[in-house]
Each structure stands twice: as C-alpha cells, then as structure tokens.
Amino acid sequence: MITALTFRKRLSCLPLVGLILLSSGCGSFGKDKQTDFLKPFGPVGPQNAGAYSQPMPSEYTLCVETAKTVANQGHAVEAIKLYERAEALNPTALALDSNLAPLYASTGNHSAAIERYQRCTEQSPQDVELCNNFAWTLMEAGQFTEAVAEAMRGLQLDGDNARLQGTLAMIHYRQGDHLKALRGFEKAHGPVAAHHNLSLLEIDSGNLESAKAHLKIANQVTESNPKAKVLLTALETQTSTR
C-alpha cells in the first residue's frame, strides 16, 4: 500500500501538475492537467499537514473519483480511460456500467454503450430514466426496432413520462414516420410544441417547406408559441431571398 508518508516524499521531487494519479499508474491525459483534477487527492498544502496521517485511497478509488471529475468537466475520452483502468485494477469490483454507458454513447461507441446499458437494465429493470437513455442510444445506433421496444417498456412502467414519450416520438421521426412522431410529441408536450419540434427537425434535415408548414400550424393554435412566430418569420425571410 502507498502510505501518506511515501506519497509526501514523492511530492517533494515532482511539479504539481505531475501529481495526477502518478502513484496509481492512472497517468494524466493531456487535458487533465488542471488544478480541478487534483480534487480527489484532497488538500496538499503545508497548512493541512495533519491530513497526511491518513493512508492514501486505493488506486481503484483514485481512478474512479478522478474519472468522475474529468467526466463532469466534459472530457469523455479521458474519463473512459480512467474508468477502464479502475476496472482493470479491481476485476472483482462491480462493473462501472452506469458510468461508462453514457460516456461510450457520447463518443459514438454505440456497441460498447449498448452492452453496458443492457447490463444496467438487467440490474435495474424498473429504472425509467435508464430505459430512456438506452432507447435513445439504440436509436442513435440505428437499431430502431429495439429502440421502440425499450421505449415502450419504459412507458409500461410510467405511461405519463414526457421524456420517454418524446424519445419514442424522435425514434418514429428517425424511422420516417412523421405522423407517429407528431402524435408522440403532442402527447408529450402538447400540439404547439409538437409542431414546433417537428419544424426544428425538418430544418435540420433541410426540409424548409415542411418546417414552414409546421410553424404555420403552430401559430394558428389558440395558445400559439412566440418562439414559433419568430422562427417562422426568420425562415420565410431566408427562403424568400433565395
């Protein structure tokens, strides 16, 4: 075990930025060289010399806690490396599936994300938020049938969950079924927001005329959305100058 005394001796020979997981072999990863990444170590100043009476955390704990800090700062690739390192250090510990699944998904590694999400849902089948995230990842991977099934499973647990309803609507849109997408968005957010959402998706897809049609409908509804009016005006101005 690395004692606090041993660690302190090493500090005297190293610059501050070199502290990041040096004792644990978790190395720094370029962007990681920031003072925030030292948080898992606790205070290092001489005024906190009493803190060194306690043994250092295990290498596994250092990797996991630093990975959380790195992930919270948006460094997904570096966080993945740290979590994977932690799993390698302690193969008998519970797998870090819930930590790694969204990180893999955010970096486009859908196969790894799906594998992790599958294990998560097996362990926590009643977790509706997990269902939503897994369904979205399946959609991003182009596995639409599986994505619909997972979203529907979540809605069986919580039929009024607006996020799941919106995710299911988005899956239908990606499948090309815009009518089902519209109905899904209406159920999740109401008719005005539904047409507004579809207009944004159509703009993103380059279908400007369809986007204008949805915005016009949104503006005709009694409780019209001011954002829809602004967007329609901007869209009509843009298309009229072409």
Protein backbone atom coordinates (compact mmCIF):
# COMPACT_ATOMS: atom_id res chain seq x y z
CA MET A 1 0.00 0.00 0.00
CA ILE A 2 1.19 3.52 -0.70
CA THR A 3 1.31 5.38 2.62
CA ALA A 4 0.80 9.07 3.01
CA LEU A 5 4.44 9.46 4.07
CA THR A 6 5.71 7.78 0.92
CA PHE A 7 3.42 9.90 -1.22
CA ARG A 8 4.55 13.06 0.53
CA LYS A 9 8.20 12.24 -0.19
CA ARG A 10 7.35 11.86 -3.86
CA LEU A 11 5.70 15.26 -3.90
CA SER A 12 8.94 16.95 -2.95
CA CYS A 13 10.51 15.74 -6.20
CA LEU A 14 7.67 16.47 -8.62
CA PRO A 15 5.94 19.55 -10.07
CA LEU A 16 2.33 19.98 -9.01
CA VAL A 17 0.81 19.04 -12.39
CA GLY A 18 2.55 15.67 -12.21
CA LEU A 19 0.52 14.58 -9.21
CA ILE A 20 -2.43 13.30 -11.20
CA LEU A 21 -2.69 9.62 -10.40
CA LEU A 22 1.06 9.18 -10.65
CA SER A 23 1.13 6.90 -7.65
CA SER A 24 -1.70 4.76 -9.05
CA GLY A 25 -0.47 4.45 -12.61
CA CYS A 26 -3.59 6.26 -13.85
CA GLY A 27 -1.43 8.90 -15.62
CA SER A 28 -2.59 12.24 -16.91
CA PHE A 29 -4.25 12.53 -20.32
CA GLY A 30 -3.32 15.88 -21.85
CA LYS A 31 -6.40 17.94 -21.00
CA ASP A 32 -6.41 16.52 -17.47
CA LYS A 33 -3.60 18.78 -16.31
CA GLN A 34 -5.80 21.24 -14.43
CA THR A 35 -5.96 22.00 -10.73
CA ASP A 36 -9.56 20.77 -10.58
CA PHE A 37 -8.35 17.28 -11.39
CA LEU A 38 -6.43 17.20 -8.09
CA LYS A 39 -9.67 17.31 -6.07
CA PRO A 40 -9.76 13.57 -5.33
CA PHE A 41 -6.44 13.91 -3.50
CA GLY A 42 -7.72 16.47 -1.03
CA PRO A 43 -5.60 19.37 0.31
CA VAL A 44 -1.87 19.27 -0.34
CA GLY A 45 -0.72 22.50 1.32
CA PRO A 46 1.57 22.52 4.41
CA GLN A 47 -1.24 24.02 6.48
CA ASN A 48 -3.06 20.70 6.12
CA ALA A 49 -0.16 18.53 7.20
CA GLY A 50 -2.46 16.67 9.58
CA ALA A 51 -4.29 15.20 6.60
CA TYR A 52 -1.22 13.06 5.84
CA SER A 53 -1.78 10.98 8.94
CA GLN A 54 -4.41 9.08 6.97
CA PRO A 55 -3.43 6.45 4.38
CA MET A 56 -3.92 7.30 0.72
CA PRO A 57 -7.03 5.93 -1.02
CA SER A 58 -6.59 2.82 -3.11
CA GLU A 59 -5.52 3.10 -6.73
CA TYR A 60 -9.00 1.94 -7.74
CA THR A 61 -10.67 4.71 -5.73
CA LEU A 62 -8.29 7.34 -7.11
CA CYS A 63 -9.12 6.32 -10.68
CA VAL A 64 -12.87 6.29 -10.09
CA GLU A 65 -13.02 9.61 -8.26
CA THR A 66 -10.77 11.35 -10.76
CA ALA A 67 -12.82 9.89 -13.63
CA LYS A 68 -15.94 11.48 -12.14
CA THR A 69 -14.23 14.86 -12.02
CA VAL A 70 -12.94 14.51 -15.58
CA ALA A 71 -16.36 13.40 -16.87
CA ASN A 72 -18.12 16.32 -15.15
CA GLN A 73 -15.80 18.68 -16.99
CA GLY A 74 -16.78 17.18 -20.34
CA HIS A 75 -13.67 15.10 -21.04
CA ALA A 76 -15.41 11.85 -22.01
CA VAL A 77 -12.47 10.10 -23.64
CA GLU A 78 -10.18 10.71 -20.67
CA ALA A 79 -12.90 9.64 -18.22
CA ILE A 80 -13.42 6.39 -20.14
CA LYS A 81 -9.72 5.59 -19.88
CA LEU A 82 -9.78 6.17 -16.14
CA TYR A 83 -12.89 4.05 -15.55
CA GLU A 84 -11.48 1.25 -17.69
CA ARG A 85 -8.22 1.48 -15.75
CA ALA A 86 -10.18 1.20 -12.49
CA GLU A 87 -11.97 -1.93 -13.71
CA ALA A 88 -8.63 -3.47 -14.67
CA LEU A 89 -7.18 -2.67 -11.25
CA ASN A 90 -10.03 -4.41 -9.44
CA PRO A 91 -11.73 -7.02 -11.62
CA THR A 92 -13.75 -8.32 -8.64
CA ALA A 93 -15.45 -4.95 -8.02
CA LEU A 94 -18.84 -4.20 -9.50
CA ALA A 95 -18.54 -3.18 -13.14
CA LEU A 96 -18.80 0.55 -13.77
CA ASP A 97 -21.53 0.06 -16.36
CA SER A 98 -23.70 3.01 -15.35
CA ASN A 99 -20.68 5.32 -15.53
CA LEU A 100 -19.31 4.03 -18.81
CA ALA A 101 -22.55 3.53 -20.81
CA PRO A 102 -23.36 7.25 -21.33
CA LEU A 103 -19.69 8.07 -21.91
CA TYR A 104 -19.37 5.44 -24.63
CA ALA A 105 -22.61 6.74 -26.18
CA SER A 106 -21.35 10.33 -26.15
CA THR A 107 -18.20 9.34 -28.04
CA GLY A 108 -20.13 7.35 -30.66
CA ASN A 109 -19.04 3.92 -29.43
CA HIS A 110 -22.59 2.61 -29.63
CA SER A 111 -21.77 -1.09 -29.43
CA ALA A 112 -19.92 -0.65 -26.14
CA ALA A 113 -22.64 1.65 -24.81
CA ILE A 114 -25.39 -0.82 -25.70
CA GLU A 115 -23.56 -3.67 -23.99
CA ARG A 116 -23.21 -1.61 -20.82
CA TYR A 117 -26.83 -0.39 -20.94
CA GLN A 118 -28.06 -3.96 -21.35
CA ARG A 119 -26.32 -4.95 -18.15
CA CYS A 120 -27.65 -1.85 -16.39
CA THR A 121 -31.26 -2.60 -17.36
CA GLU A 122 -30.85 -6.22 -16.24
CA GLN A 123 -29.74 -4.97 -12.83
CA SER A 124 -32.31 -2.13 -12.60
CA PRO A 125 -35.26 -3.07 -14.84
CA GLN A 126 -37.61 -0.56 -13.16
CA ASP A 127 -35.37 2.46 -13.79
CA VAL A 128 -37.36 4.58 -16.26
CA GLU A 129 -34.57 7.11 -16.81
CA LEU A 130 -32.26 4.24 -17.72
CA CYS A 131 -34.88 2.98 -20.20
CA ASN A 132 -35.00 6.40 -21.83
CA ASN A 133 -31.23 6.68 -22.20
CA PHE A 134 -30.91 3.13 -23.50
CA ALA A 135 -33.70 3.70 -26.05
CA TRP A 136 -32.00 6.89 -27.25
CA THR A 137 -28.67 5.10 -27.65
CA LEU A 138 -30.31 2.30 -29.62
CA MET A 139 -31.87 4.93 -31.87
CA GLU A 140 -28.52 6.64 -32.41
CA ALA A 141 -27.10 3.24 -33.37
CA GLY A 142 -29.84 2.82 -35.98
CA GLN A 143 -31.46 -0.08 -34.11
CA PHE A 144 -34.96 1.39 -34.39
CA THR A 145 -36.96 -1.76 -33.63
CA GLU A 146 -35.03 -2.34 -30.42
CA ALA A 147 -35.24 1.37 -29.55
CA VAL A 148 -39.04 1.37 -29.89
CA ALA A 149 -39.27 -1.79 -27.77
CA GLU A 150 -37.14 -0.28 -24.99
CA ALA A 151 -39.09 2.99 -25.02
CA MET A 152 -42.37 1.09 -24.90
CA ARG A 153 -41.07 -1.00 -21.99
CA GLY A 154 -40.34 2.21 -20.11
CA LEU A 155 -43.78 3.63 -20.87
CA GLN A 156 -45.34 0.48 -19.44
CA LEU A 157 -43.59 1.40 -16.20
CA ASP A 158 -44.53 5.09 -16.40
CA GLY A 159 -47.07 5.88 -19.12
CA ASP A 160 -47.02 9.62 -18.41
CA ASN A 161 -43.27 10.07 -18.64
CA ALA A 162 -42.83 13.02 -21.03
CA ARG A 163 -39.17 12.29 -21.73
CA LEU A 164 -39.91 8.74 -22.83
CA GLN A 165 -42.85 9.91 -24.93
CA GLY A 166 -40.58 12.45 -26.59
CA THR A 167 -37.87 9.87 -27.15
CA LEU A 168 -40.37 7.48 -28.75
CA ALA A 169 -41.58 10.32 -30.99
CA MET A 170 -37.99 11.04 -32.00
CA ILE A 171 -37.43 7.38 -32.87
CA HIS A 172 -40.54 7.44 -35.09
CA TYR A 173 -39.20 10.56 -36.80
CA ARG A 174 -35.86 8.88 -37.46
CA GLN A 175 -37.78 5.93 -38.92
CA GLY A 176 -39.52 8.31 -41.32
CA ASP A 177 -42.96 8.05 -39.70
CA HIS A 178 -43.62 11.75 -39.17
CA LEU A 179 -47.29 11.27 -38.29
CA LYS A 180 -46.43 9.00 -35.36
CA ALA A 181 -43.71 11.44 -34.39
CA LEU A 182 -46.23 14.29 -34.35
CA ARG A 183 -48.69 12.29 -32.23
CA GLY A 184 -45.92 11.37 -29.83
CA PHE A 185 -44.72 14.94 -29.42
CA GLU A 186 -48.33 16.08 -28.92
CA LYS A 187 -48.76 13.56 -26.13
CA ALA A 188 -45.51 14.60 -24.52
CA HIS A 189 -45.67 18.38 -24.87
CA GLY A 190 -48.95 19.47 -26.47
CA PRO A 191 -49.84 20.42 -30.08
CA VAL A 192 -47.96 23.71 -30.30
CA ALA A 193 -44.68 22.29 -29.03
CA ALA A 194 -45.18 19.21 -31.23
CA HIS A 195 -45.32 21.24 -34.44
CA HIS A 196 -42.50 23.45 -33.21
CA ASN A 197 -40.32 20.40 -32.52
CA LEU A 198 -41.05 18.92 -35.93
CA SER A 199 -40.24 22.23 -37.60
CA LEU A 200 -36.80 22.20 -35.95
CA LEU A 201 -36.20 18.62 -37.04
CA GLU A 202 -37.28 19.43 -40.58
CA ILE A 203 -35.00 22.46 -40.70
CA ASP A 204 -32.13 20.27 -39.54
CA SER A 205 -33.00 17.81 -42.32
CA GLY A 206 -33.15 20.58 -44.92
CA ASN A 207 -36.93 20.31 -45.44
CA LEU A 208 -37.66 24.02 -45.17
CA GLU A 209 -41.12 24.00 -46.74
CA SER A 210 -42.28 21.29 -44.37
CA ALA A 211 -40.79 23.25 -41.48
CA LYS A 212 -42.74 26.35 -42.50
CA ALA A 213 -45.95 24.32 -42.70
CA HIS A 214 -45.50 23.09 -39.14
CA LEU A 215 -44.71 26.58 -37.87
CA LYS A 216 -47.81 28.00 -39.53
CA ILE A 217 -49.95 25.39 -37.82
CA ALA A 218 -48.26 26.15 -34.50
CA ASN A 219 -49.08 29.84 -34.96
CA GLN A 220 -52.74 29.12 -35.75
CA VAL A 221 -53.35 27.37 -32.46
CA THR A 222 -55.01 29.44 -29.73
CA GLU A 223 -52.07 29.17 -27.34
CA SER A 224 -49.50 29.92 -30.04
CA ASN A 225 -45.82 29.87 -29.20
CA PRO A 226 -43.95 33.21 -29.55
CA LYS A 227 -40.81 31.28 -30.48
CA ALA A 228 -42.67 29.65 -33.36
CA LYS A 229 -43.65 33.08 -34.70
CA VAL A 230 -40.08 34.33 -34.57
CA LEU A 231 -38.77 31.17 -36.23
CA LEU A 232 -41.42 31.29 -38.97
CA THR A 233 -40.60 34.92 -39.76
CA ALA A 234 -36.88 34.15 -39.96
CA LEU A 235 -37.50 31.08 -42.13
CA GLU A 236 -39.79 32.92 -44.54
CA THR A 237 -37.27 35.74 -44.81
CA GLN A 238 -34.48 33.30 -45.57
CA THR A 239 -36.39 31.35 -48.20
CA SER A 240 -37.72 34.49 -49.89
CA THR A 241 -34.19 35.77 -50.53
CA ARG A 242 -33.16 32.63 -52.40
